[in-house]
């Protein structure tokens, strides 16, 4: 999935994997929270590096879920548009 193991994954490959993970998480969340009959218009997830101030703001708004992935911090924020 992440390319040649000898070269390691490229930064864009990693972003693609995180975007796909966002798709799966969002789809599973919506189904679990609202059932299969509810219809949502989900946008493509975006992946970006954020400043620590942004992390603090998202954490205080309770819109951030964070975890470690291979010892690297990962945060997922859901927003309404």
N, C-alpha and C. Protein backbone atom coordinates (compact mmCIF):
# COMPACT_ATOMS: atom_id res chain seq x y z
N UNK A 1 0.83 -1.20 0.00
CA UNK A 1 0.00 0.00 0.00
C UNK A 1 0.87 1.24 0.00
N UNK A 2 1.95 1.23 0.75
CA UNK A 2 2.77 2.43 0.90
C UNK A 2 4.01 2.43 0.01
N UNK A 3 4.01 1.68 -1.05
CA UNK A 3 5.13 1.73 -1.98
C UNK A 3 6.22 0.73 -1.66
N UNK A 4 7.39 0.97 -2.23
CA UNK A 4 8.54 0.08 -2.09
C UNK A 4 9.06 0.11 -0.65
N UNK A 5 9.11 -1.06 0.04
CA UNK A 5 9.56 -1.07 1.43
C UNK A 5 11.02 -0.63 1.61
N UNK A 6 11.83 -0.78 0.57
CA UNK A 6 13.23 -0.37 0.69
C UNK A 6 13.37 1.14 0.72
N UNK A 7 12.58 1.83 -0.09
CA UNK A 7 12.64 3.30 -0.14
C UNK A 7 11.76 3.94 0.91
N UNK A 8 10.79 3.21 1.42
CA UNK A 8 9.83 3.77 2.36
C UNK A 8 8.77 4.56 1.61
N UNK A 9 7.67 4.83 2.26
CA UNK A 9 6.59 5.56 1.59
C UNK A 9 6.95 7.03 1.39
N UNK A 10 6.46 7.60 0.31
CA UNK A 10 6.66 9.02 0.08
C UNK A 10 5.69 9.80 0.97
N UNK A 11 5.93 11.08 1.12
CA UNK A 11 5.04 11.92 1.93
C UNK A 11 3.63 11.92 1.33
N UNK A 12 3.53 11.97 0.01
CA UNK A 12 2.21 11.96 -0.64
C UNK A 12 1.51 10.62 -0.43
N UNK A 13 2.25 9.52 -0.46
CA UNK A 13 1.65 8.21 -0.18
C UNK A 13 1.08 8.18 1.23
N UNK A 14 1.80 8.74 2.19
CA UNK A 14 1.31 8.79 3.57
C UNK A 14 0.04 9.62 3.66
N UNK A 15 0.02 10.76 2.97
CA UNK A 15 -1.18 11.61 2.98
C UNK A 15 -2.38 10.86 2.37
N UNK A 16 -2.13 10.13 1.29
CA UNK A 16 -3.21 9.35 0.66
C UNK A 16 -3.78 8.32 1.63
N UNK A 17 -2.91 7.65 2.37
CA UNK A 17 -3.36 6.65 3.33
C UNK A 17 -4.18 7.31 4.43
N UNK A 18 -3.74 8.46 4.92
CA UNK A 18 -4.50 9.15 5.96
C UNK A 18 -5.85 9.65 5.43
N UNK A 19 -5.89 10.09 4.17
CA UNK A 19 -7.17 10.50 3.58
C UNK A 19 -8.13 9.31 3.51
N UNK A 20 -7.62 8.17 3.10
CA UNK A 20 -8.46 6.97 3.03
C UNK A 20 -8.93 6.57 4.42
N UNK A 21 -8.05 6.66 5.40
CA UNK A 21 -8.43 6.36 6.78
C UNK A 21 -9.55 7.32 7.21
N UNK A 22 -9.46 8.58 6.83
CA UNK A 22 -10.51 9.55 7.15
C UNK A 22 -11.83 9.17 6.52
N UNK A 23 -11.80 8.70 5.28
CA UNK A 23 -13.03 8.25 4.61
C UNK A 23 -13.68 7.11 5.38
N UNK A 24 -12.88 6.13 5.76
CA UNK A 24 -13.40 4.96 6.47
C UNK A 24 -13.94 5.36 7.85
N UNK A 25 -13.18 6.16 8.59
CA UNK A 25 -13.63 6.58 9.92
C UNK A 25 -14.92 7.40 9.85
N UNK A 26 -14.98 8.33 8.92
CA UNK A 26 -16.18 9.16 8.79
C UNK A 26 -17.39 8.31 8.42
N UNK A 27 -17.21 7.42 7.47
CA UNK A 27 -18.32 6.56 7.07
C UNK A 27 -18.80 5.68 8.20
N UNK A 28 -17.88 5.09 8.93
CA UNK A 28 -18.25 4.23 10.06
C UNK A 28 -18.92 5.04 11.17
N UNK A 29 -18.39 6.23 11.44
CA UNK A 29 -18.97 7.08 12.49
C UNK A 29 -20.41 7.45 12.16
N UNK A 30 -20.63 7.92 10.93
CA UNK A 30 -21.97 8.35 10.52
C UNK A 30 -22.96 7.18 10.62
N UNK A 31 -22.56 6.02 10.16
CA UNK A 31 -23.45 4.85 10.21
C UNK A 31 -23.77 4.47 11.66
N UNK A 32 -22.75 4.43 12.51
CA UNK A 32 -22.96 4.06 13.91
C UNK A 32 -23.80 5.10 14.65
N UNK A 33 -23.54 6.37 14.40
CA UNK A 33 -24.23 7.44 15.13
C UNK A 33 -25.66 7.67 14.66
N UNK A 34 -25.91 7.52 13.35
CA UNK A 34 -27.21 7.93 12.81
C UNK A 34 -27.96 6.83 12.07
N UNK A 35 -27.36 5.65 11.91
CA UNK A 35 -28.02 4.55 11.23
C UNK A 35 -27.76 4.56 9.73
N UNK A 36 -28.14 3.47 9.09
CA UNK A 36 -27.86 3.32 7.66
C UNK A 36 -28.82 4.09 6.77
N UNK A 37 -29.98 4.50 7.28
CA UNK A 37 -30.96 5.18 6.43
C UNK A 37 -30.70 6.68 6.30
N UNK A 38 -29.90 7.26 7.18
CA UNK A 38 -29.59 8.70 7.13
C UNK A 38 -28.58 8.95 6.02
N UNK A 39 -28.78 10.02 5.24
CA UNK A 39 -27.89 10.35 4.13
C UNK A 39 -27.08 11.60 4.48
N UNK A 40 -25.77 11.54 4.28
CA UNK A 40 -24.87 12.66 4.52
C UNK A 40 -24.09 12.95 3.26
N UNK A 41 -23.75 14.20 3.07
CA UNK A 41 -22.89 14.61 1.96
C UNK A 41 -21.52 14.90 2.54
N UNK A 42 -20.63 13.90 2.50
CA UNK A 42 -19.30 14.04 3.07
C UNK A 42 -18.34 14.59 2.03
N UNK A 43 -17.49 15.51 2.45
CA UNK A 43 -16.45 16.05 1.57
C UNK A 43 -15.20 15.19 1.69
N UNK A 44 -14.32 15.30 0.71
CA UNK A 44 -13.05 14.58 0.78
C UNK A 44 -12.26 15.10 1.98
N UNK A 45 -11.68 14.19 2.75
CA UNK A 45 -10.88 14.64 3.89
C UNK A 45 -9.60 15.31 3.42
N UNK A 46 -9.11 16.23 4.23
CA UNK A 46 -7.83 16.88 3.92
C UNK A 46 -6.81 16.45 4.96
N UNK A 47 -5.57 16.44 4.56
CA UNK A 47 -4.47 16.05 5.43
C UNK A 47 -3.45 17.18 5.41
N UNK A 48 -3.08 17.67 6.59
CA UNK A 48 -2.10 18.75 6.65
C UNK A 48 -1.42 18.76 8.00
N UNK A 49 -0.25 19.36 8.03
CA UNK A 49 0.43 19.57 9.30
C UNK A 49 -0.17 20.80 9.94
N UNK A 50 -0.25 20.81 11.27
CA UNK A 50 -0.84 21.94 11.97
C UNK A 50 0.11 22.46 13.04
N UNK A 51 -0.09 23.71 13.37
CA UNK A 51 0.71 24.34 14.44
C UNK A 51 0.16 23.90 15.79
N UNK A 52 0.99 23.98 16.81
CA UNK A 52 0.57 23.56 18.15
C UNK A 52 -0.60 24.40 18.63
N UNK A 53 -0.67 25.68 18.26
CA UNK A 53 -1.79 26.53 18.66
C UNK A 53 -3.11 26.01 18.09
N UNK A 54 -3.07 25.49 16.86
CA UNK A 54 -4.27 24.92 16.26
C UNK A 54 -4.70 23.66 17.00
N UNK A 55 -3.75 22.85 17.41
CA UNK A 55 -4.06 21.65 18.17
C UNK A 55 -4.72 22.02 19.50
N UNK A 56 -4.17 23.03 20.17
CA UNK A 56 -4.75 23.47 21.44
C UNK A 56 -6.16 23.99 21.26
N UNK A 57 -6.41 24.74 20.18
CA UNK A 57 -7.75 25.27 19.92
C UNK A 57 -8.73 24.12 19.64
N UNK A 58 -8.34 23.19 18.79
CA UNK A 58 -9.22 22.06 18.48
C UNK A 58 -9.49 21.21 19.71
N UNK A 59 -8.48 21.04 20.55
CA UNK A 59 -8.66 20.24 21.77
C UNK A 59 -9.65 20.90 22.71
N UNK A 60 -9.60 22.24 22.82
CA UNK A 60 -10.51 22.93 23.72
C UNK A 60 -11.94 22.94 23.18
N UNK A 61 -12.10 22.79 21.86
CA UNK A 61 -13.44 22.74 21.26
C UNK A 61 -14.02 21.33 21.27
N UNK A 62 -13.27 20.35 21.76
CA UNK A 62 -13.69 18.95 21.77
C UNK A 62 -14.00 18.43 20.37
N UNK A 63 -13.29 18.91 19.35
CA UNK A 63 -13.48 18.42 17.99
C UNK A 63 -12.29 17.61 17.51
N UNK A 64 -11.37 17.31 18.40
CA UNK A 64 -10.13 16.63 18.02
C UNK A 64 -10.04 15.27 18.69
N UNK A 65 -9.74 14.26 17.90
CA UNK A 65 -9.43 12.92 18.41
C UNK A 65 -7.97 12.68 18.06
N UNK A 66 -7.17 12.29 19.01
CA UNK A 66 -5.74 12.11 18.73
C UNK A 66 -5.27 10.74 19.21
N UNK A 67 -4.19 10.26 18.57
CA UNK A 67 -3.60 8.97 18.91
C UNK A 67 -2.19 8.94 18.34
N UNK A 68 -1.42 7.94 18.70
CA UNK A 68 -0.07 7.75 18.17
C UNK A 68 -0.11 6.69 17.08
N UNK A 69 0.54 6.96 15.97
CA UNK A 69 0.68 6.00 14.88
C UNK A 69 2.17 5.84 14.62
N UNK A 70 2.72 4.70 14.94
CA UNK A 70 4.16 4.47 14.82
C UNK A 70 4.95 5.57 15.52
N UNK A 71 4.51 5.89 16.75
CA UNK A 71 5.15 6.87 17.61
C UNK A 71 5.03 8.32 17.12
N UNK A 72 4.20 8.56 16.12
CA UNK A 72 3.96 9.92 15.62
C UNK A 72 2.55 10.33 16.01
N UNK A 73 2.37 11.55 16.52
CA UNK A 73 1.01 11.98 16.89
C UNK A 73 0.15 12.22 15.66
N UNK A 74 -1.09 11.76 15.73
CA UNK A 74 -2.06 11.95 14.67
C UNK A 74 -3.32 12.52 15.31
N UNK A 75 -3.87 13.54 14.70
CA UNK A 75 -5.11 14.13 15.18
C UNK A 75 -6.15 14.12 14.08
N UNK A 76 -7.38 13.84 14.45
CA UNK A 76 -8.48 13.86 13.49
C UNK A 76 -9.53 14.83 14.05
N UNK A 77 -9.87 15.83 13.24
CA UNK A 77 -10.87 16.81 13.66
C UNK A 77 -12.04 16.76 12.68
N UNK A 78 -13.23 16.78 13.22
CA UNK A 78 -14.44 16.81 12.40
C UNK A 78 -15.06 18.19 12.55
N UNK A 79 -15.44 18.78 11.44
CA UNK A 79 -16.07 20.09 11.47
C UNK A 79 -17.34 20.06 10.64
N UNK A 80 -18.25 20.96 10.94
CA UNK A 80 -19.46 21.12 10.13
C UNK A 80 -19.22 22.26 9.16
N UNK A 81 -19.77 22.11 7.95
CA UNK A 81 -19.61 23.20 6.98
C UNK A 81 -20.94 23.81 6.65
